[in-house]
């Protein structure tokens, strides 16, 4: 199914972007994974209606300062400063994250520390803070940590999981 067909959501429910980090994961990713999360740890104010999370933390809640305590988390962190997010996600040990692939220490740490990782499609379209489809200039990966999350990633069809 095409990504365009899966972007079925109310644009009016998304607050306007305040930074260049406001790019939201499209609904088809969550449909493919079929998981429910305890927390979306890096959410915009008001949350995102299609992310199956029981609770979300915004920049005002400071998701990094919150206790994730082994709960299953969804994380699409600010790409402008991913290192502390990746560290906390790895330490938590339970969840799925979507981050930029890069030649950096944080990405190397993610690559070596997660249970599975797959490159996202090259034509991945996010949802901008303005509610429009938007590509980004860098490749992205989706990573899993924890047995159930790894199984979901492998069966999602998103891509080859290493």
N, C-alpha and C. Protein backbone atom coordinates (compact mmCIF):
# COMPACT_ATOMS: atom_id res chain seq x y z
N UNK A 1 0.84 -1.18 0.00
CA UNK A 1 0.00 0.00 0.00
C UNK A 1 0.89 1.24 0.00
N UNK A 2 0.52 2.25 -0.73
CA UNK A 2 1.32 3.46 -0.83
C UNK A 2 1.22 4.29 0.44
N UNK A 3 2.30 4.99 0.76
CA UNK A 3 2.30 5.84 1.95
C UNK A 3 1.19 6.87 1.86
N UNK A 4 0.95 7.41 0.68
CA UNK A 4 -0.08 8.44 0.52
C UNK A 4 -1.44 7.93 0.98
N UNK A 5 -1.71 6.66 0.76
CA UNK A 5 -3.00 6.09 1.13
C UNK A 5 -3.16 5.95 2.64
N UNK A 6 -2.04 5.95 3.36
CA UNK A 6 -2.08 5.70 4.79
C UNK A 6 -2.02 6.98 5.62
N UNK A 7 -1.92 8.10 4.99
CA UNK A 7 -1.87 9.35 5.75
C UNK A 7 -3.28 9.88 5.97
N UNK A 8 -4.03 9.12 6.72
CA UNK A 8 -5.43 9.43 6.98
C UNK A 8 -5.54 9.96 8.41
N UNK A 9 -5.42 11.24 8.57
CA UNK A 9 -5.47 11.80 9.91
C UNK A 9 -5.92 13.25 9.83
N UNK A 10 -6.38 13.79 10.97
CA UNK A 10 -6.86 15.17 10.98
C UNK A 10 -5.71 16.16 11.13
N UNK A 11 -5.37 16.89 10.07
CA UNK A 11 -4.27 17.84 10.12
C UNK A 11 -4.52 18.92 11.17
N UNK A 12 -5.76 19.27 11.43
CA UNK A 12 -6.06 20.32 12.40
C UNK A 12 -5.65 19.95 13.82
N UNK A 13 -5.47 18.65 14.10
CA UNK A 13 -5.10 18.22 15.44
C UNK A 13 -3.60 18.34 15.71
N UNK A 14 -2.82 18.70 14.71
CA UNK A 14 -1.37 18.79 14.87
C UNK A 14 -1.00 20.25 15.10
N UNK A 15 -0.32 20.54 16.23
CA UNK A 15 0.11 21.92 16.44
C UNK A 15 1.17 22.32 15.40
N UNK A 16 1.24 23.59 15.10
CA UNK A 16 2.21 24.07 14.12
C UNK A 16 3.63 23.84 14.62
N UNK A 17 4.51 23.53 13.69
CA UNK A 17 5.91 23.26 14.03
C UNK A 17 6.57 24.51 14.59
N UNK A 18 7.41 24.29 15.58
CA UNK A 18 8.17 25.39 16.17
C UNK A 18 9.64 25.31 15.80
N UNK A 19 10.12 24.13 15.39
CA UNK A 19 11.52 23.96 15.04
C UNK A 19 11.63 23.08 13.81
N UNK A 20 12.84 22.97 13.30
CA UNK A 20 13.06 22.10 12.15
C UNK A 20 13.03 20.63 12.55
N UNK A 21 12.93 20.33 13.85
CA UNK A 21 12.84 18.94 14.32
C UNK A 21 11.41 18.39 14.26
N UNK A 22 10.45 19.21 13.89
CA UNK A 22 9.06 18.77 13.90
C UNK A 22 8.68 18.04 12.62
N UNK A 23 9.09 16.75 12.57
CA UNK A 23 8.72 15.84 11.50
C UNK A 23 8.22 14.57 12.18
N UNK A 24 6.98 14.19 11.91
CA UNK A 24 6.33 13.11 12.62
C UNK A 24 6.29 11.84 11.78
N UNK A 25 6.45 10.73 12.43
CA UNK A 25 6.45 9.42 11.79
C UNK A 25 5.07 9.14 11.19
N UNK A 26 5.01 8.69 9.94
CA UNK A 26 3.71 8.44 9.31
C UNK A 26 3.01 7.21 9.92
N UNK A 27 1.72 7.21 9.80
CA UNK A 27 0.86 6.17 10.38
C UNK A 27 1.21 4.77 9.89
N UNK A 28 1.61 4.63 8.64
CA UNK A 28 1.85 3.30 8.09
C UNK A 28 2.94 2.55 8.85
N UNK A 29 3.89 3.28 9.46
CA UNK A 29 4.95 2.64 10.24
C UNK A 29 4.35 1.93 11.45
N UNK A 30 3.43 2.58 12.13
CA UNK A 30 2.80 1.99 13.32
C UNK A 30 1.88 0.83 12.93
N UNK A 31 1.21 0.99 11.81
CA UNK A 31 0.37 -0.11 11.32
C UNK A 31 1.22 -1.34 11.04
N UNK A 32 2.37 -1.15 10.43
CA UNK A 32 3.25 -2.27 10.09
C UNK A 32 3.81 -2.94 11.34
N UNK A 33 4.14 -2.16 12.35
CA UNK A 33 4.73 -2.73 13.58
C UNK A 33 3.70 -3.42 14.46
N UNK A 34 2.49 -2.89 14.51
CA UNK A 34 1.42 -3.50 15.29
C UNK A 34 1.66 -3.54 16.79
N UNK A 35 2.35 -2.56 17.32
CA UNK A 35 2.64 -2.52 18.75
C UNK A 35 1.89 -1.38 19.43
N UNK A 36 1.70 -1.52 20.73
CA UNK A 36 1.21 -0.41 21.56
C UNK A 36 2.35 -0.03 22.49
N UNK A 37 2.51 1.26 22.72
CA UNK A 37 3.62 1.79 23.52
C UNK A 37 3.09 2.38 24.82
N UNK A 38 3.89 2.28 25.85
CA UNK A 38 3.54 2.94 27.10
C UNK A 38 3.74 4.45 26.97
N UNK A 39 4.83 4.83 26.29
CA UNK A 39 5.14 6.25 26.12
C UNK A 39 5.63 6.56 24.72
N UNK A 40 5.20 7.71 24.20
CA UNK A 40 5.87 8.37 23.09
C UNK A 40 6.70 9.43 23.80
N UNK A 41 8.01 9.27 23.81
CA UNK A 41 8.86 10.07 24.69
C UNK A 41 9.29 11.41 24.11
N UNK A 42 9.03 11.66 22.84
CA UNK A 42 9.42 12.92 22.21
C UNK A 42 8.30 13.41 21.30
N UNK A 43 7.17 13.70 21.90
CA UNK A 43 5.96 14.05 21.17
C UNK A 43 5.76 15.56 21.10
N UNK A 44 5.06 16.02 20.06
CA UNK A 44 4.67 17.43 20.07
C UNK A 44 3.52 17.62 21.07
N UNK A 45 3.29 18.85 21.44
CA UNK A 45 2.19 19.17 22.34
C UNK A 45 0.89 18.64 21.74
N UNK A 46 0.11 17.95 22.53
CA UNK A 46 -1.15 17.38 22.06
C UNK A 46 -1.02 15.96 21.55
N UNK A 47 0.21 15.47 21.42
CA UNK A 47 0.42 14.11 20.92
C UNK A 47 0.08 14.01 19.45
N UNK A 48 0.25 12.82 18.92
CA UNK A 48 -0.09 12.53 17.53
C UNK A 48 -1.15 11.43 17.58
N UNK A 49 -2.27 11.67 16.97
CA UNK A 49 -3.42 10.78 17.12
C UNK A 49 -3.18 9.36 16.63
N UNK A 50 -2.31 9.15 15.66
CA UNK A 50 -2.13 7.80 15.12
C UNK A 50 -1.02 7.01 15.80
N UNK A 51 -0.32 7.62 16.75
CA UNK A 51 0.72 6.89 17.48
C UNK A 51 0.06 6.14 18.64
N UNK A 52 0.15 4.81 18.63
CA UNK A 52 -0.53 4.02 19.65
C UNK A 52 0.23 4.00 20.98
N UNK A 53 0.24 5.16 21.64
CA UNK A 53 0.92 5.28 22.93
C UNK A 53 -0.10 5.68 24.00
N UNK A 54 0.05 5.10 25.18
CA UNK A 54 -0.85 5.40 26.28
C UNK A 54 -0.61 6.81 26.84
N UNK A 55 0.64 7.26 26.77
CA UNK A 55 1.00 8.57 27.30
C UNK A 55 2.12 9.13 26.45
N UNK A 56 2.23 10.44 26.41
CA UNK A 56 3.31 11.06 25.66
C UNK A 56 3.96 12.15 26.50
N UNK A 57 5.23 12.38 26.18
CA UNK A 57 5.99 13.46 26.80
C UNK A 57 6.36 14.46 25.72
N UNK A 58 6.12 15.74 26.00
CA UNK A 58 6.45 16.80 25.07
C UNK A 58 7.74 17.49 25.52
N UNK A 59 8.18 18.48 24.75
CA UNK A 59 9.37 19.22 25.15
C UNK A 59 9.14 19.92 26.49
N UNK A 60 7.89 20.23 26.81
CA UNK A 60 7.59 20.87 28.09
C UNK A 60 7.68 19.89 29.25
N UNK A 61 7.42 18.61 28.97
CA UNK A 61 7.56 17.56 30.00
C UNK A 61 9.01 17.11 30.12
N UNK A 62 9.80 17.37 29.10
CA UNK A 62 11.20 16.94 29.00
C UNK A 62 11.28 15.42 29.13
N UNK A 63 11.01 14.75 28.02
CA UNK A 63 11.03 13.29 27.99
C UNK A 63 12.31 12.68 28.51
N UNK A 64 13.42 13.38 28.37
CA UNK A 64 14.69 12.87 28.89
C UNK A 64 14.72 12.86 30.42
N UNK A 65 13.97 13.75 31.04
CA UNK A 65 13.95 13.83 32.51
C UNK A 65 12.92 12.87 33.12
N UNK A 66 12.08 12.26 32.28
CA UNK A 66 11.04 11.36 32.78
C UNK A 66 11.59 9.96 33.03
N UNK A 67 10.90 9.22 33.87
CA UNK A 67 11.27 7.84 34.18
C UNK A 67 10.52 6.91 33.21
N UNK A 68 11.28 6.28 32.32
CA UNK A 68 10.68 5.33 31.38
C UNK A 68 10.60 3.95 32.00
N UNK A 69 11.46 3.66 32.96
CA UNK A 69 11.44 2.45 33.80
C UNK A 69 11.12 1.15 33.07
N UNK A 70 11.82 0.87 32.00
CA UNK A 70 11.65 -0.41 31.31
C UNK A 70 10.37 -0.52 30.50
N UNK A 71 9.59 0.53 30.44
CA UNK A 71 8.34 0.52 29.67
C UNK A 71 8.65 0.52 28.18
N UNK A 72 7.70 0.02 27.38
CA UNK A 72 7.88 0.06 25.93
C UNK A 72 7.69 1.49 25.46
N UNK A 73 8.72 2.02 24.79
CA UNK A 73 8.65 3.40 24.32
C UNK A 73 8.76 3.47 22.81
N UNK A 74 8.11 4.47 22.28
CA UNK A 74 8.29 4.89 20.90
C UNK A 74 9.13 6.15 20.96
N UNK A 75 10.15 6.23 20.11
CA UNK A 75 10.99 7.41 20.13
C UNK A 75 11.37 7.82 18.71
N UNK A 76 10.95 9.01 18.33
CA UNK A 76 11.43 9.70 17.14
C UNK A 76 11.95 11.03 17.69
N UNK A 77 13.22 11.03 18.14
CA UNK A 77 13.73 12.19 18.88
C UNK A 77 14.10 13.35 17.98
N UNK A 78 14.41 14.50 18.59
CA UNK A 78 14.91 15.63 17.80
C UNK A 78 16.21 15.23 17.10
N UNK A 79 16.26 15.37 15.80
CA UNK A 79 17.44 14.97 15.04
C UNK A 79 18.58 15.96 15.23
N UNK A 80 18.29 17.12 15.79
CA UNK A 80 19.34 18.11 16.02
C UNK A 80 20.25 17.75 17.18
N UNK A 81 19.77 16.86 18.08
CA UNK A 81 20.60 16.46 19.23
C UNK A 81 20.15 15.07 19.69
N UNK A 82 20.46 14.03 18.91
CA UNK A 82 19.95 12.69 19.22
C UNK A 82 20.72 11.94 20.31
N UNK A 83 21.96 12.32 20.59
CA UNK A 83 22.81 11.53 21.49
C UNK A 83 22.18 11.21 22.84
N UNK A 84 21.67 12.17 23.60
CA UNK A 84 21.11 11.80 24.91
C UNK A 84 19.87 10.92 24.80
N UNK A 85 19.13 11.10 23.72
CA UNK A 85 17.93 10.28 23.51
C UNK A 85 18.32 8.84 23.22
N UNK A 86 19.29 8.65 22.36
CA UNK A 86 19.75 7.29 22.03
C UNK A 86 20.31 6.61 23.28
N UNK A 87 21.10 7.35 24.06
CA UNK A 87 21.64 6.77 25.29
C UNK A 87 20.52 6.30 26.23
N UNK A 88 19.54 7.15 26.43
CA UNK A 88 18.44 6.79 27.36
C UNK A 88 17.62 5.63 26.80
N UNK A 89 17.39 5.63 25.49
CA UNK A 89 16.62 4.55 24.86
C UNK A 89 17.33 3.22 25.03
N UNK A 90 18.63 3.20 24.78
CA UNK A 90 19.40 1.97 24.96
C UNK A 90 19.40 1.52 26.41
N UNK A 91 19.55 2.45 27.33
CA UNK A 91 19.52 2.13 28.75
C UNK A 91 18.17 1.56 29.16
N UNK A 92 17.10 2.10 28.59
CA UNK A 92 15.75 1.63 28.92
C UNK A 92 15.54 0.18 28.50
N UNK A 93 16.04 -0.19 27.31
CA UNK A 93 16.02 -1.58 26.88
C UNK A 93 14.69 -2.13 26.39
N UNK A 94 13.73 -1.26 26.05
CA UNK A 94 12.43 -1.74 25.62
C UNK A 94 11.77 -0.70 24.72
N UNK A 95 11.78 -0.95 23.40
CA UNK A 95 11.09 -0.02 22.53
C UNK A 95 11.55 -0.05 21.09
N UNK A 96 11.03 0.91 20.36
CA UNK A 96 11.33 1.12 18.95
C UNK A 96 11.70 2.59 18.80
N UNK A 97 12.73 2.84 17.98
CA UNK A 97 13.06 4.24 17.70
C UNK A 97 13.32 4.42 16.21
N UNK A 98 13.11 5.64 15.77
CA UNK A 98 13.38 6.02 14.39
C UNK A 98 14.31 7.21 14.45
N UNK A 99 15.50 7.05 13.90
CA UNK A 99 16.52 8.10 13.95
C UNK A 99 17.24 8.22 12.62
N UNK A 100 17.96 9.31 12.48
CA UNK A 100 18.77 9.51 11.27
C UNK A 100 19.98 8.60 11.31
N UNK A 101 20.33 8.06 10.16
CA UNK A 101 21.55 7.28 10.02
C UNK A 101 22.67 8.27 9.73
N UNK A 102 23.77 8.11 10.43
CA UNK A 102 24.87 9.05 10.21
C UNK A 102 26.20 8.42 10.63
N UNK A 103 27.26 9.09 10.27
CA UNK A 103 28.59 8.69 10.72
C UNK A 103 28.87 9.46 11.99
N UNK A 104 28.29 8.98 13.09
CA UNK A 104 28.43 9.68 14.36
C UNK A 104 28.56 8.67 15.49
N UNK A 105 29.06 9.13 16.61
CA UNK A 105 29.17 8.26 17.77
C UNK A 105 27.81 7.78 18.26
N UNK A 106 26.79 8.65 18.33
CA UNK A 106 25.48 8.16 18.78
C UNK A 106 24.91 7.06 17.87
N UNK A 107 25.07 7.24 16.54
CA UNK A 107 24.55 6.22 15.64
C UNK A 107 25.33 4.91 15.79
N UNK A 108 26.64 4.99 15.93
CA UNK A 108 27.45 3.79 16.15
C UNK A 108 27.03 3.08 17.43
N UNK A 109 26.77 3.84 18.46
CA UNK A 109 26.31 3.27 19.73
C UNK A 109 24.96 2.57 19.54
N UNK A 110 24.06 3.20 18.79
CA UNK A 110 22.76 2.58 18.51
C UNK A 110 22.95 1.29 17.72
N UNK A 111 23.74 1.35 16.66
CA UNK A 111 23.99 0.19 15.80
C UNK A 111 24.51 -0.99 16.62
N UNK A 112 25.43 -0.73 17.51
CA UNK A 112 26.05 -1.79 18.31
C UNK A 112 25.19 -2.23 19.50
N UNK A 113 24.30 -1.36 19.98
CA UNK A 113 23.56 -1.66 21.20
C UNK A 113 22.14 -2.17 21.04
N UNK A 114 21.55 -1.97 19.87
CA UNK A 114 20.16 -2.40 19.70
C UNK A 114 20.10 -3.89 19.34
N UNK A 115 18.91 -4.45 19.43
CA UNK A 115 18.73 -5.87 19.08
C UNK A 115 18.49 -6.08 17.59
N UNK A 116 18.01 -5.06 16.91
CA UNK A 116 17.79 -5.15 15.47
C UNK A 116 17.61 -3.76 14.90
N UNK A 117 17.97 -3.62 13.63
CA UNK A 117 17.88 -2.31 12.99
C UNK A 117 17.64 -2.50 11.50
N UNK A 118 16.84 -1.63 10.92
CA UNK A 118 16.55 -1.69 9.49
C UNK A 118 16.54 -0.28 8.91
N UNK A 119 17.04 -0.15 7.70
CA UNK A 119 16.95 1.13 7.02
C UNK A 119 15.53 1.34 6.52
N UNK A 120 15.04 2.55 6.71
CA UNK A 120 13.71 2.91 6.23
C UNK A 120 13.78 3.13 4.72
N UNK A 121 12.63 3.05 4.04
CA UNK A 121 12.64 3.30 2.59
C UNK A 121 13.25 4.67 2.27
N UNK A 122 13.99 4.74 1.20
CA UNK A 122 14.66 5.98 0.80
C UNK A 122 13.67 7.10 0.53
N UNK A 123 12.46 6.75 0.13
CA UNK A 123 11.45 7.76 -0.18
C UNK A 123 10.50 8.01 1.00
N UNK A 124 10.94 7.69 2.21
CA UNK A 124 10.10 7.89 3.39
C UNK A 124 9.63 9.34 3.47
N UNK A 125 8.36 9.51 3.65
CA UNK A 125 7.78 10.83 3.83
C UNK A 125 7.27 10.94 5.25
N UNK A 126 7.77 11.95 5.96
CA UNK A 126 7.28 12.25 7.29
C UNK A 126 6.06 13.15 7.15
N UNK A 127 5.49 13.52 8.28
CA UNK A 127 4.43 14.51 8.30
C UNK A 127 5.03 15.73 8.97
N UNK A 128 5.06 16.83 8.26
CA UNK A 128 5.65 18.04 8.82
C UNK A 128 4.75 18.62 9.89
N UNK A 129 5.29 19.55 10.66
CA UNK A 129 4.49 20.23 11.67
C UNK A 129 3.35 21.03 11.08
N UNK A 130 3.36 21.23 9.78
CA UNK A 130 2.29 21.93 9.08
C UNK A 130 1.25 20.95 8.55
N UNK A 131 1.44 19.63 8.83
CA UNK A 131 0.47 18.64 8.40
C UNK A 131 0.62 18.19 6.97
N UNK A 132 1.75 18.46 6.35
CA UNK A 132 1.99 18.06 4.96
C UNK A 132 3.05 16.97 4.91
N UNK A 133 3.03 16.16 3.85
CA UNK A 133 4.10 15.18 3.66
C UNK A 133 5.40 15.91 3.39
N UNK A 134 6.47 15.37 3.98
CA UNK A 134 7.76 16.01 3.79
C UNK A 134 8.88 14.99 3.92
N UNK A 135 9.75 14.96 2.94
CA UNK A 135 10.94 14.13 3.03
C UNK A 135 12.02 14.88 3.78
N UNK A 136 13.01 14.16 4.23
CA UNK A 136 14.15 14.82 4.84
C UNK A 136 15.40 14.43 4.05
N UNK A 137 16.47 15.16 4.20
CA UNK A 137 17.64 14.96 3.36
C UNK A 137 18.54 13.80 3.78
N UNK A 138 18.28 13.19 4.93
CA UNK A 138 19.16 12.13 5.41
C UNK A 138 18.43 10.79 5.50
N UNK A 139 19.17 9.70 5.36
CA UNK A 139 18.54 8.39 5.52
C UNK A 139 18.17 8.16 6.98
N UNK A 140 17.18 7.32 7.19
CA UNK A 140 16.73 7.02 8.55
C UNK A 140 16.70 5.51 8.76
N UNK A 141 16.77 5.14 10.03
CA UNK A 141 16.68 3.74 10.42
C UNK A 141 15.62 3.61 11.49
N UNK A 142 15.11 2.40 11.60
CA UNK A 142 14.22 2.07 12.70
C UNK A 142 14.90 0.95 13.47
N UNK A 143 14.97 1.10 14.78
CA UNK A 143 15.69 0.14 15.61
C UNK A 143 14.77 -0.41 16.69
N UNK A 144 15.06 -1.63 17.09
CA UNK A 144 14.28 -2.30 18.14
C UNK A 144 15.21 -2.76 19.25
N UNK A 145 14.69 -2.70 20.45
CA UNK A 145 15.40 -3.27 21.59
C UNK A 145 14.34 -3.97 22.45
N UNK A 146 14.63 -5.22 22.80
CA UNK A 146 13.66 -6.06 23.49
C UNK A 146 13.10 -7.09 22.53
N UNK A 147 12.87 -8.30 23.03
CA UNK A 147 12.48 -9.42 22.17
C UNK A 147 11.17 -9.19 21.41
N UNK A 148 10.13 -8.69 22.06
CA UNK A 148 8.85 -8.47 21.38
C UNK A 148 8.96 -7.38 20.31
N UNK A 149 9.74 -6.37 20.61
CA UNK A 149 9.91 -5.28 19.65
C UNK A 149 10.71 -5.74 18.44
N UNK A 150 11.73 -6.55 18.68
CA UNK A 150 12.50 -7.11 17.58
C UNK A 150 11.63 -7.99 16.70
N UNK A 151 10.80 -8.83 17.31
CA UNK A 151 9.90 -9.69 16.53
C UNK A 151 8.95 -8.85 15.69
N UNK A 152 8.43 -7.76 16.25
CA UNK A 152 7.52 -6.89 15.51
C UNK A 152 8.24 -6.23 14.33
N UNK A 153 9.46 -5.79 14.56
CA UNK A 153 10.23 -5.17 13.48
C UNK A 153 10.49 -6.17 12.37
N UNK A 154 10.89 -7.39 12.73
CA UNK A 154 11.17 -8.40 11.73
C UNK A 154 9.94 -8.77 10.91
N UNK A 155 8.78 -8.79 11.53
CA UNK A 155 7.57 -9.19 10.81
C UNK A 155 6.86 -8.01 10.14
N UNK A 156 7.37 -6.79 10.34
CA UNK A 156 6.70 -5.60 9.82
C UNK A 156 6.77 -5.44 8.32
N UNK A 157 7.79 -6.01 7.69
CA UNK A 157 7.97 -5.81 6.26
C UNK A 157 8.60 -4.48 5.92
N UNK A 158 9.05 -3.74 6.91
CA UNK A 158 9.63 -2.43 6.66
C UNK A 158 10.95 -2.55 5.90
N UNK A 159 11.73 -3.54 6.21
CA UNK A 159 13.01 -3.72 5.53
C UNK A 159 13.80 -4.84 6.14
N UNK A 160 14.96 -5.09 5.59
CA UNK A 160 15.83 -6.13 6.08
C UNK A 160 16.34 -5.72 7.47
N UNK A 161 16.18 -6.62 8.44
CA UNK A 161 16.60 -6.34 9.82
C UNK A 161 17.91 -7.04 10.08
N UNK A 162 18.91 -6.32 10.51
CA UNK A 162 20.16 -6.94 10.91
C UNK A 162 20.15 -7.12 12.40
